[in-house]
Amino acid sequence: MGRRALAPVGALLALGALSALSACATQSAAAVAPAAPGFLLGLWHGFIFPVAWVLSLFMPEVAVYAVPNNGGWYDFGYFLGIVVFGVGARKSQTVYRTRVIRERIVPGTHRIIREESEE
């Protein structure tokens, strides 16, 4: 077997190991409070995460994550706040197409002709 054939096997083994480790994780019952911050505050805290993180470096009373919270719904809101509405929502690259290159083969030969056009 070559290296390329072993790559998917290695990825599956790594995924399996991470899944096994995450199955052991539990949340302390003392960290979950019914009246604590829920989905909407998690969404807000996720959205303001970059600002809260910078402030937490200089101000010990500022935290980036509310503890205790009501568990999964706060976490889900926090995740959506970061990924969808916050830092993760930015585009990484904008591509503008200004030139198109088309190639065609001349029938009966092996010649390739390149045609460029501006848009």
C-alpha atoms as a PDB file:
ATOM      1  CA  MET A   1       0.000   0.000   0.000  1.00  0.00           C
ATOM      2  CA  GLY A   2       1.188   3.461  -0.858  1.00  0.00           C
ATOM      3  CA  ARG A   3       1.072   6.562   1.262  1.00  0.00           C
ATOM      4  CA  ARG A   4      -2.036   7.839  -0.492  1.00  0.00           C
ATOM      5  CA  ALA A   5      -3.934   4.643   0.274  1.00  0.00           C
ATOM      6  CA  LEU A   6      -3.092   4.929   3.986  1.00  0.00           C
ATOM      7  CA  ALA A   7      -4.167   8.578   4.343  1.00  0.00           C
ATOM      8  CA  PRO A   8      -7.928   7.840   4.672  1.00  0.00           C
ATOM      9  CA  VAL A   9      -7.191   5.072   7.164  1.00  0.00           C
ATOM     10  CA  GLY A  10      -5.122   7.444   9.292  1.00  0.00           C
ATOM     11  CA  ALA A  11      -7.837  10.082   9.149  1.00  0.00           C
ATOM     12  CA  LEU A  12     -10.465   7.559  10.245  1.00  0.00           C
ATOM     13  CA  LEU A  13      -8.280   6.374  13.123  1.00  0.00           C
ATOM     14  CA  ALA A  14      -7.722   9.956  14.276  1.00  0.00           C
ATOM     15  CA  LEU A  15     -11.454  10.688  14.050  1.00  0.00           C
ATOM     16  CA  GLY A  16     -12.214   7.529  16.014  1.00  0.00           C
ATOM     17  CA  ALA A  17      -9.707   8.449  18.724  1.00  0.00           C
ATOM     18  CA  LEU A  18     -11.144  11.965  19.049  1.00  0.00           C
ATOM     19  CA  SER A  19     -14.674  10.571  19.223  1.00  0.00           C
ATOM     20  CA  ALA A  20     -13.654   8.143  21.954  1.00  0.00           C
ATOM     21  CA  LEU A  21     -12.033  10.935  23.965  1.00  0.00           C
ATOM     22  CA  SER A  22     -15.015  13.266  23.563  1.00  0.00           C
ATOM     23  CA  ALA A  23     -17.387  10.501  24.721  1.00  0.00           C
ATOM     24  CA  CYS A  24     -15.693  10.663  28.131  1.00  0.00           C
ATOM     25  CA  ALA A  25     -16.389  14.387  28.575  1.00  0.00           C
ATOM     26  CA  THR A  26     -19.155  15.355  30.980  1.00  0.00           C
ATOM     27  CA  GLN A  27     -20.388  18.652  32.331  1.00  0.00           C
ATOM     28  CA  SER A  28     -20.465  19.139  36.063  1.00  0.00           C
ATOM     29  CA  ALA A  29     -23.982  19.404  37.480  1.00  0.00           C
ATOM     30  CA  ALA A  30     -22.832  22.422  39.522  1.00  0.00           C
ATOM     31  CA  ALA A  31     -21.991  24.259  36.276  1.00  0.00           C
ATOM     32  CA  VAL A  32     -25.568  23.929  34.943  1.00  0.00           C
ATOM     33  CA  ALA A  33     -28.162  26.234  36.460  1.00  0.00           C
ATOM     34  CA  PRO A  34     -31.722  26.543  35.069  1.00  0.00           C
ATOM     35  CA  ALA A  35     -31.928  30.317  35.651  1.00  0.00           C
ATOM     36  CA  ALA A  36     -28.430  30.950  34.250  1.00  0.00           C
ATOM     37  CA  PRO A  37     -27.629  32.411  30.807  1.00  0.00           C
ATOM     38  CA  GLY A  38     -29.260  30.501  27.953  1.00  0.00           C
ATOM     39  CA  PHE A  39     -29.327  30.468  24.170  1.00  0.00           C
ATOM     40  CA  LEU A  40     -29.746  34.209  23.551  1.00  0.00           C
ATOM     41  CA  LEU A  41     -26.973  35.249  25.917  1.00  0.00           C
ATOM     42  CA  GLY A  42     -24.778  32.516  24.445  1.00  0.00           C
ATOM     43  CA  LEU A  43     -25.458  33.966  20.993  1.00  0.00           C
ATOM     44  CA  TRP A  44     -24.538  37.439  22.229  1.00  0.00           C
ATOM     45  CA  HIS A  45     -21.396  36.244  24.035  1.00  0.00           C
ATOM     46  CA  GLY A  46     -20.281  34.404  20.889  1.00  0.00           C
ATOM     47  CA  PHE A  47     -20.836  37.505  18.772  1.00  0.00           C
ATOM     48  CA  ILE A  48     -18.793  39.756  21.080  1.00  0.00           C
ATOM     49  CA  PHE A  49     -16.112  37.110  21.681  1.00  0.00           C
ATOM     50  CA  PRO A  50     -13.213  39.004  19.969  1.00  0.00           C
ATOM     51  CA  VAL A  51     -13.816  42.142  22.036  1.00  0.00           C
ATOM     52  CA  ALA A  52     -14.340  40.161  25.256  1.00  0.00           C
ATOM     53  CA  TRP A  53     -11.154  38.182  24.650  1.00  0.00           C
ATOM     54  CA  VAL A  54      -9.032  41.321  24.233  1.00  0.00           C
ATOM     55  CA  LEU A  55     -10.613  42.892  27.323  1.00  0.00           C
ATOM     56  CA  SER A  56     -10.065  39.689  29.342  1.00  0.00           C
ATOM     57  CA  LEU A  57      -6.317  40.018  28.760  1.00  0.00           C
ATOM     58  CA  PHE A  58      -6.242  43.292  30.703  1.00  0.00           C
ATOM     59  CA  MET A  59      -9.279  43.089  33.007  1.00  0.00           C
ATOM     60  CA  PRO A  60      -9.565  40.006  35.265  1.00  0.00           C
ATOM     61  CA  GLU A  61     -13.304  40.550  35.844  1.00  0.00           C
ATOM     62  CA  VAL A  62     -14.114  40.110  32.117  1.00  0.00           C
ATOM     63  CA  ALA A  63     -14.641  36.539  30.889  1.00  0.00           C
ATOM     64  CA  VAL A  64     -15.310  35.200  27.397  1.00  0.00           C
ATOM     65  CA  TYR A  65     -17.680  32.422  28.556  1.00  0.00           C
ATOM     66  CA  ALA A  66     -20.419  32.527  31.198  1.00  0.00           C
ATOM     67  CA  VAL A  67     -20.153  29.941  33.990  1.00  0.00           C
ATOM     68  CA  PRO A  68     -22.566  28.707  35.247  1.00  0.00           C
ATOM     69  CA  ASN A  69     -24.858  28.512  32.219  1.00  0.00           C
ATOM     70  CA  ASN A  70     -27.819  26.326  31.311  1.00  0.00           C
ATOM     71  CA  GLY A  71     -25.747  23.826  29.348  1.00  0.00           C
ATOM     72  CA  GLY A  72     -26.236  22.797  25.738  1.00  0.00           C
ATOM     73  CA  TRP A  73     -28.443  25.690  24.638  1.00  0.00           C
ATOM     74  CA  TYR A  74     -25.919  28.269  25.848  1.00  0.00           C
ATOM     75  CA  ASP A  75     -23.127  26.351  24.094  1.00  0.00           C
ATOM     76  CA  PHE A  76     -25.145  26.165  20.868  1.00  0.00           C
ATOM     77  CA  GLY A  77     -25.851  29.914  20.966  1.00  0.00           C
ATOM     78  CA  TYR A  78     -22.187  30.618  21.701  1.00  0.00           C
ATOM     79  CA  PHE A  79     -21.132  28.472  18.737  1.00  0.00           C
ATOM     80  CA  LEU A  80     -23.606  30.192  16.388  1.00  0.00           C
ATOM     81  CA  GLY A  81     -22.533  33.600  17.671  1.00  0.00           C
ATOM     82  CA  ILE A  82     -18.897  32.936  16.807  1.00  0.00           C
ATOM     83  CA  VAL A  83     -19.280  30.975  13.578  1.00  0.00           C
ATOM     84  CA  VAL A  84     -22.331  32.503  11.908  1.00  0.00           C
ATOM     85  CA  PHE A  85     -22.556  36.061  13.182  1.00  0.00           C
ATOM     86  CA  GLY A  86     -19.112  36.768  14.597  1.00  0.00           C
ATOM     87  CA  VAL A  87     -15.551  36.104  13.544  1.00  0.00           C
ATOM     88  CA  GLY A  88     -16.320  33.055  11.389  1.00  0.00           C
ATOM     89  CA  ALA A  89     -18.800  34.947   9.199  1.00  0.00           C
ATOM     90  CA  ARG A  90     -16.107  36.883   7.371  1.00  0.00           C
ATOM     91  CA  LYS A  91     -15.204  35.975   3.803  1.00  0.00           C
ATOM     92  CA  SER A  92     -11.617  34.954   3.424  1.00  0.00           C
ATOM     93  CA  GLN A  93     -11.176  35.879  -0.210  1.00  0.00           C
ATOM     94  CA  THR A  94     -12.960  37.649  -3.053  1.00  0.00           C
ATOM     95  CA  VAL A  95     -12.136  36.529  -6.581  1.00  0.00           C
ATOM     96  CA  TYR A  96     -12.823  38.729  -9.588  1.00  0.00           C
ATOM     97  CA  ARG A  97     -12.738  37.121 -13.005  1.00  0.00           C
ATOM     98  CA  THR A  98     -11.267  39.519 -15.534  1.00  0.00           C
ATOM     99  CA  ARG A  99      -9.771  37.146 -18.073  1.00  0.00           C
ATOM    100  CA  VAL A 100     -11.031  33.878 -19.572  1.00  0.00           C
ATOM    101  CA  ILE A 101      -8.709  31.405 -21.278  1.00  0.00           C
ATOM    102  CA  ARG A 102     -10.317  28.817 -23.535  1.00  0.00           C
ATOM    103  CA  GLU A 103      -8.463  25.950 -25.138  1.00  0.00           C
ATOM    104  CA  ARG A 104      -9.548  24.009 -28.192  1.00  0.00           C
ATOM    105  CA  ILE A 105      -7.984  21.222 -30.196  1.00  0.00           C
ATOM    106  CA  VAL A 106      -7.714  21.634 -33.945  1.00  0.00           C
ATOM    107  CA  PRO A 107      -9.625  18.721 -35.539  1.00  0.00           C
ATOM    108  CA  GLY A 108      -7.366  16.122 -37.133  1.00  0.00           C
ATOM    109  CA  THR A 109      -4.254  17.325 -35.277  1.00  0.00           C
ATOM    110  CA  HIS A 110      -2.926  17.351 -31.749  1.00  0.00           C
ATOM    111  CA  ARG A 111      -2.501  21.136 -31.708  1.00  0.00           C
ATOM    112  CA  ILE A 112      -4.048  23.114 -28.886  1.00  0.00           C
ATOM    113  CA  ILE A 113      -5.078  26.709 -29.515  1.00  0.00           C
ATOM    114  CA  ARG A 114      -5.477  29.067 -26.576  1.00  0.00           C
ATOM    115  CA  GLU A 115      -7.902  31.949 -26.877  1.00  0.00           C
ATOM    116  CA  GLU A 116      -7.914  34.731 -24.302  1.00  0.00           C
ATOM    117  CA  SER A 117     -10.721  37.205 -23.813  1.00  0.00           C
ATOM    118  CA  GLU A 118     -11.344  40.045 -21.378  1.00  0.00           C
ATOM    119  CA  GLU A 119     -14.630  40.345 -19.520  1.00  0.00           C
END
